[in-house]
Amino acid sequence: MGLMDILQHYAQPASQSSPDAAQAHYDEVSKSAPPEVLGQGLGDAFRADHTPPFGQMVGQLFGQSNPQQRAGVINQLLGAIGPGVLASLGGGMLARMTGQSNSAAPQLTPQQAADVTPQQVQEIATHAQQNDPSVVDKIGGIYAQHPQLVKTLGSAALAVVLAGVANRMRN
């Protein structure tokens, strides 16, 4: 099945695929689709009603990420919530970890990011989405660069990603 055939299949609102097919189709599309379109499709999955909440999905991806990816995700999320919220998240752990005042968004190193749990990231991501909804697409853009990690979200989320890519590629 070619790229356009795969995308046409997912462009149909009622289309269904087996979990294995969704994984294989995602592999094919992630190799060919522009990263920004893949990131937007991932943002669609983060916002979809029939996938887990954004925070939960980001926490899951974070748990599978390497230290550099973790730092990039946390720093993007922290930029969206602003420094004033740090003291209330994770029992103030991030504020203590970074030693930052309320005047600037902190930047965690990969070493510091290794000490943050997926559950803490879930909390941070939920607050970040409430404070700045555009962070959903920014995180989608980060993880679009790492398609193998995205596959850990499961076939339902991958189907939403593929539908989003299909809709953008045909417009």
C-alpha atoms as a PDB file:
ATOM      1  CA  MET A   1       0.000   0.000   0.000  1.00  0.00           C
ATOM      2  CA  GLY A   2       1.456   3.356  -1.028  1.00  0.00           C
ATOM      3  CA  LEU A   3       1.605   6.492   1.091  1.00  0.00           C
ATOM      4  CA  MET A   4      -1.427   8.134  -0.505  1.00  0.00           C
ATOM      5  CA  ASP A   5      -3.425   4.887  -0.204  1.00  0.00           C
ATOM      6  CA  ILE A   6      -2.612   4.704   3.496  1.00  0.00           C
ATOM      7  CA  LEU A   7      -3.550   8.335   4.037  1.00  0.00           C
ATOM      8  CA  GLN A   8      -6.760   7.951   2.038  1.00  0.00           C
ATOM      9  CA  HIS A   9      -7.748   5.062   4.306  1.00  0.00           C
ATOM     10  CA  TYR A  10      -7.296   7.187   7.456  1.00  0.00           C
ATOM     11  CA  ALA A  11      -8.988  10.224   5.919  1.00  0.00           C
ATOM     12  CA  GLN A  12     -12.274   8.292   6.110  1.00  0.00           C
ATOM     13  CA  PRO A  13     -13.876   9.155   9.491  1.00  0.00           C
ATOM     14  CA  ALA A  14     -15.205   5.644  10.114  1.00  0.00           C
ATOM     15  CA  SER A  15     -12.131   3.729   8.930  1.00  0.00           C
ATOM     16  CA  GLN A  16     -10.802   1.001  11.178  1.00  0.00           C
ATOM     17  CA  SER A  17      -7.477  -0.803  11.072  1.00  0.00           C
ATOM     18  CA  SER A  18      -5.989  -3.552  13.145  1.00  0.00           C
ATOM     19  CA  PRO A  19      -3.434  -2.468  15.742  1.00  0.00           C
ATOM     20  CA  ASP A  20      -0.656  -4.083  13.707  1.00  0.00           C
ATOM     21  CA  ALA A  21      -1.808  -2.275  10.555  1.00  0.00           C
ATOM     22  CA  ALA A  22      -1.874   1.087  12.338  1.00  0.00           C
ATOM     23  CA  GLN A  23       1.692   0.511  13.572  1.00  0.00           C
ATOM     24  CA  ALA A  24       2.913  -0.464  10.098  1.00  0.00           C
ATOM     25  CA  HIS A  25       1.046   2.407   8.449  1.00  0.00           C
ATOM     26  CA  TYR A  26       2.490   4.870  10.948  1.00  0.00           C
ATOM     27  CA  ASP A  27       5.994   3.558  10.195  1.00  0.00           C
ATOM     28  CA  GLU A  28       5.445   4.168   6.489  1.00  0.00           C
ATOM     29  CA  VAL A  29       3.903   7.621   6.902  1.00  0.00           C
ATOM     30  CA  SER A  30       6.477   8.812   9.460  1.00  0.00           C
ATOM     31  CA  LYS A  31       9.239   8.148   6.920  1.00  0.00           C
ATOM     32  CA  SER A  32       7.557  10.197   4.187  1.00  0.00           C
ATOM     33  CA  ALA A  33       5.426  12.925   5.738  1.00  0.00           C
ATOM     34  CA  PRO A  34       7.001  16.298   6.525  1.00  0.00           C
ATOM     35  CA  PRO A  35       7.910  16.458  10.246  1.00  0.00           C
ATOM     36  CA  GLU A  36       5.739  19.533  10.825  1.00  0.00           C
ATOM     37  CA  VAL A  37       2.692  17.705   9.417  1.00  0.00           C
ATOM     38  CA  LEU A  38       3.483  14.657  11.543  1.00  0.00           C
ATOM     39  CA  GLY A  39       3.756  16.938  14.584  1.00  0.00           C
ATOM     40  CA  GLN A  40       0.377  18.491  13.838  1.00  0.00           C
ATOM     41  CA  GLY A  41      -1.130  15.016  13.518  1.00  0.00           C
ATOM     42  CA  LEU A  42       0.364  14.147  16.887  1.00  0.00           C
ATOM     43  CA  GLY A  43      -1.169  17.337  18.288  1.00  0.00           C
ATOM     44  CA  ASP A  44      -4.526  16.095  16.976  1.00  0.00           C
ATOM     45  CA  ALA A  45      -4.047  12.855  18.904  1.00  0.00           C
ATOM     46  CA  PHE A  46      -3.147  14.805  22.055  1.00  0.00           C
ATOM     47  CA  ARG A  47      -6.421  16.761  21.752  1.00  0.00           C
ATOM     48  CA  ALA A  48      -8.713  13.904  20.666  1.00  0.00           C
ATOM     49  CA  ASP A  49     -11.593  12.927  22.917  1.00  0.00           C
ATOM     50  CA  HIS A  50     -11.030   9.203  22.389  1.00  0.00           C
ATOM     51  CA  THR A  51      -7.359   9.164  23.385  1.00  0.00           C
ATOM     52  CA  PRO A  52      -5.977   9.632  26.894  1.00  0.00           C
ATOM     53  CA  PRO A  53      -5.559  13.217  28.134  1.00  0.00           C
ATOM     54  CA  PHE A  54      -2.591  15.256  26.892  1.00  0.00           C
ATOM     55  CA  GLY A  55      -0.766  15.117  30.220  1.00  0.00           C
ATOM     56  CA  GLN A  56      -1.059  11.359  30.429  1.00  0.00           C
ATOM     57  CA  MET A  57       0.199  10.849  26.881  1.00  0.00           C
ATOM     58  CA  VAL A  58       3.143  13.199  27.388  1.00  0.00           C
ATOM     59  CA  GLY A  59       4.003  11.464  30.661  1.00  0.00           C
ATOM     60  CA  GLN A  60       3.964   8.127  28.852  1.00  0.00           C
ATOM     61  CA  LEU A  61       6.214   9.413  26.053  1.00  0.00           C
ATOM     62  CA  PHE A  62       8.492  11.092  28.585  1.00  0.00           C
ATOM     63  CA  GLY A  63       8.952   7.775  30.384  1.00  0.00           C
ATOM     64  CA  GLN A  64      10.307   6.262  27.160  1.00  0.00           C
ATOM     65  CA  SER A  65      12.504   9.245  26.229  1.00  0.00           C
ATOM     66  CA  ASN A  66      16.251   9.637  26.550  1.00  0.00           C
ATOM     67  CA  PRO A  67      17.679  12.392  28.814  1.00  0.00           C
ATOM     68  CA  GLN A  68      18.078  14.938  25.997  1.00  0.00           C
ATOM     69  CA  GLN A  69      14.502  14.390  24.811  1.00  0.00           C
ATOM     70  CA  ARG A  70      13.275  14.634  28.407  1.00  0.00           C
ATOM     71  CA  ALA A  71      15.035  17.955  28.915  1.00  0.00           C
ATOM     72  CA  GLY A  72      13.614  19.332  25.664  1.00  0.00           C
ATOM     73  CA  VAL A  73      10.064  18.349  26.605  1.00  0.00           C
ATOM     74  CA  ILE A  74      10.275  19.663  30.159  1.00  0.00           C
ATOM     75  CA  ASN A  75      11.821  22.936  29.029  1.00  0.00           C
ATOM     76  CA  GLN A  76       9.074  23.413  26.436  1.00  0.00           C
ATOM     77  CA  LEU A  77       6.411  22.700  29.062  1.00  0.00           C
ATOM     78  CA  LEU A  78       8.028  25.002  31.619  1.00  0.00           C
ATOM     79  CA  GLY A  79       8.122  27.794  29.059  1.00  0.00           C
ATOM     80  CA  ALA A  80       4.369  27.385  28.632  1.00  0.00           C
ATOM     81  CA  ILE A  81       3.489  27.499  32.325  1.00  0.00           C
ATOM     82  CA  GLY A  82       5.831  30.256  33.367  1.00  0.00           C
ATOM     83  CA  PRO A  83       8.096  30.316  36.391  1.00  0.00           C
ATOM     84  CA  GLY A  84       5.465  31.414  38.902  1.00  0.00           C
ATOM     85  CA  VAL A  85       3.744  28.028  38.794  1.00  0.00           C
ATOM     86  CA  LEU A  86       6.876  26.016  39.571  1.00  0.00           C
ATOM     87  CA  ALA A  87       6.485  26.235  43.325  1.00  0.00           C
ATOM     88  CA  SER A  88       3.064  24.588  43.181  1.00  0.00           C
ATOM     89  CA  LEU A  89       4.021  21.679  40.913  1.00  0.00           C
ATOM     90  CA  GLY A  90       5.553  18.450  42.093  1.00  0.00           C
ATOM     91  CA  GLY A  91       5.730  19.696  45.654  1.00  0.00           C
ATOM     92  CA  GLY A  92       7.980  22.537  44.509  1.00  0.00           C
ATOM     93  CA  MET A  93      10.605  20.060  43.334  1.00  0.00           C
ATOM     94  CA  LEU A  94      11.234  21.862  40.049  1.00  0.00           C
ATOM     95  CA  ALA A  95      11.627  25.238  41.719  1.00  0.00           C
ATOM     96  CA  ARG A  96      14.167  23.760  44.121  1.00  0.00           C
ATOM     97  CA  MET A  97      15.906  21.804  41.356  1.00  0.00           C
ATOM     98  CA  THR A  98      16.405  24.819  39.138  1.00  0.00           C
ATOM     99  CA  GLY A  99      17.023  27.407  41.830  1.00  0.00           C
ATOM    100  CA  GLN A 100      15.174  29.856  39.608  1.00  0.00           C
ATOM    101  CA  SER A 101      13.361  32.925  40.796  1.00  0.00           C
ATOM    102  CA  ASN A 102       9.923  33.833  39.484  1.00  0.00           C
ATOM    103  CA  SER A 103      11.415  36.083  36.823  1.00  0.00           C
ATOM    104  CA  ALA A 104      12.508  33.575  34.182  1.00  0.00           C
ATOM    105  CA  ALA A 105      11.484  30.179  32.903  1.00  0.00           C
ATOM    106  CA  PRO A 106      14.075  27.636  34.017  1.00  0.00           C
ATOM    107  CA  GLN A 107      15.997  25.390  31.683  1.00  0.00           C
ATOM    108  CA  LEU A 108      16.692  21.891  32.945  1.00  0.00           C
ATOM    109  CA  THR A 109      19.736  19.970  31.849  1.00  0.00           C
ATOM    110  CA  PRO A 110      19.450  16.353  30.722  1.00  0.00           C
ATOM    111  CA  GLN A 111      20.932  15.337  34.077  1.00  0.00           C
ATOM    112  CA  GLN A 112      18.241  17.272  35.977  1.00  0.00           C
ATOM    113  CA  ALA A 113      15.513  15.970  33.673  1.00  0.00           C
ATOM    114  CA  ALA A 114      16.518  12.413  34.590  1.00  0.00           C
ATOM    115  CA  ASP A 115      15.278  13.119  38.135  1.00  0.00           C
ATOM    116  CA  VAL A 116      11.776  14.079  36.977  1.00  0.00           C
ATOM    117  CA  THR A 117       9.190  11.300  36.939  1.00  0.00           C
ATOM    118  CA  PRO A 118       6.608  10.677  34.209  1.00  0.00           C
ATOM    119  CA  GLN A 119       3.902  11.425  36.806  1.00  0.00           C
ATOM    120  CA  GLN A 120       5.431  14.836  37.502  1.00  0.00           C
ATOM    121  CA  VAL A 121       5.604  15.530  33.769  1.00  0.00           C
ATOM    122  CA  GLN A 122       1.949  14.535  33.462  1.00  0.00           C
ATOM    123  CA  GLU A 123       1.087  17.187  36.071  1.00  0.00           C
ATOM    124  CA  ILE A 124       3.301  19.793  34.406  1.00  0.00           C
ATOM    125  CA  ALA A 125       1.864  19.025  30.956  1.00  0.00           C
ATOM    126  CA  THR A 126      -1.703  19.361  32.221  1.00  0.00           C
ATOM    127  CA  HIS A 127      -0.937  22.780  33.703  1.00  0.00           C
ATOM    128  CA  ALA A 128       0.975  23.839  30.597  1.00  0.00           C
ATOM    129  CA  GLN A 129      -1.962  22.939  28.339  1.00  0.00           C
ATOM    130  CA  GLN A 130      -4.352  24.928  30.535  1.00  0.00           C
ATOM    131  CA  ASN A 131      -2.034  27.931  30.534  1.00  0.00           C
ATOM    132  CA  ASP A 132      -0.979  27.804  26.862  1.00  0.00           C
ATOM    133  CA  PRO A 133      -2.944  25.448  24.569  1.00  0.00           C
ATOM    134  CA  SER A 134      -0.348  25.911  21.804  1.00  0.00           C
ATOM    135  CA  VAL A 135       2.056  23.787  23.839  1.00  0.00           C
ATOM    136  CA  VAL A 136       0.191  20.720  22.542  1.00  0.00           C
ATOM    137  CA  ASP A 137       1.459  21.353  19.017  1.00  0.00           C
ATOM    138  CA  LYS A 138       4.928  22.262  20.271  1.00  0.00           C
ATOM    139  CA  ILE A 139       5.230  18.946  22.098  1.00  0.00           C
ATOM    140  CA  GLY A 140       3.829  17.226  19.008  1.00  0.00           C
ATOM    141  CA  GLY A 141       6.644  18.829  17.025  1.00  0.00           C
ATOM    142  CA  ILE A 142       9.260  17.555  19.443  1.00  0.00           C
ATOM    143  CA  TYR A 143       7.992  13.987  19.366  1.00  0.00           C
ATOM    144  CA  ALA A 144       7.467  14.044  15.588  1.00  0.00           C
ATOM    145  CA  GLN A 145      11.272  13.976  15.432  1.00  0.00           C
ATOM    146  CA  HIS A 146      11.167  10.628  17.289  1.00  0.00           C
ATOM    147  CA  PRO A 147       8.572   8.472  15.516  1.00  0.00           C
ATOM    148  CA  GLN A 148       9.556   5.256  17.284  1.00  0.00           C
ATOM    149  CA  LEU A 149       8.619   6.803  20.634  1.00  0.00           C
ATOM    150  CA  VAL A 150       5.229   7.861  19.282  1.00  0.00           C
ATOM    151  CA  LYS A 151       4.441   4.229  18.503  1.00  0.00           C
ATOM    152  CA  THR A 152       4.360   3.543  22.260  1.00  0.00           C
ATOM    153  CA  LEU A 153       1.091   5.507  22.453  1.00  0.00           C
ATOM    154  CA  GLY A 154      -0.790   2.628  20.843  1.00  0.00           C
ATOM    155  CA  SER A 155      -2.850   2.060  17.742  1.00  0.00           C
ATOM    156  CA  ALA A 156      -5.818   4.302  18.645  1.00  0.00           C
ATOM    157  CA  ALA A 157      -3.550   7.327  19.006  1.00  0.00           C
ATOM    158  CA  LEU A 158      -1.632   6.362  15.867  1.00  0.00           C
ATOM    159  CA  ALA A 159      -4.889   6.213  13.901  1.00  0.00           C
ATOM    160  CA  VAL A 160      -5.669   9.784  15.004  1.00  0.00           C
ATOM    161  CA  VAL A 161      -2.163  10.903  14.033  1.00  0.00           C
ATOM    162  CA  LEU A 162      -2.584   9.278  10.622  1.00  0.00           C
ATOM    163  CA  ALA A 163      -6.003  10.884  10.122  1.00  0.00           C
ATOM    164  CA  GLY A 164      -4.529  14.295  10.970  1.00  0.00           C
ATOM    165  CA  VAL A 165      -1.653  13.782   8.551  1.00  0.00           C
ATOM    166  CA  ALA A 166      -4.096  12.619   5.867  1.00  0.00           C
ATOM    167  CA  ASN A 167      -6.262  15.700   6.282  1.00  0.00           C
ATOM    168  CA  ARG A 168      -3.285  18.049   6.060  1.00  0.00           C
ATOM    169  CA  MET A 169      -1.596  16.296   3.138  1.00  0.00           C
ATOM    170  CA  ARG A 170      -4.698  16.378   0.942  1.00  0.00           C
ATOM    171  CA  ASN A 171      -5.332  20.105   1.562  1.00  0.00           C
END
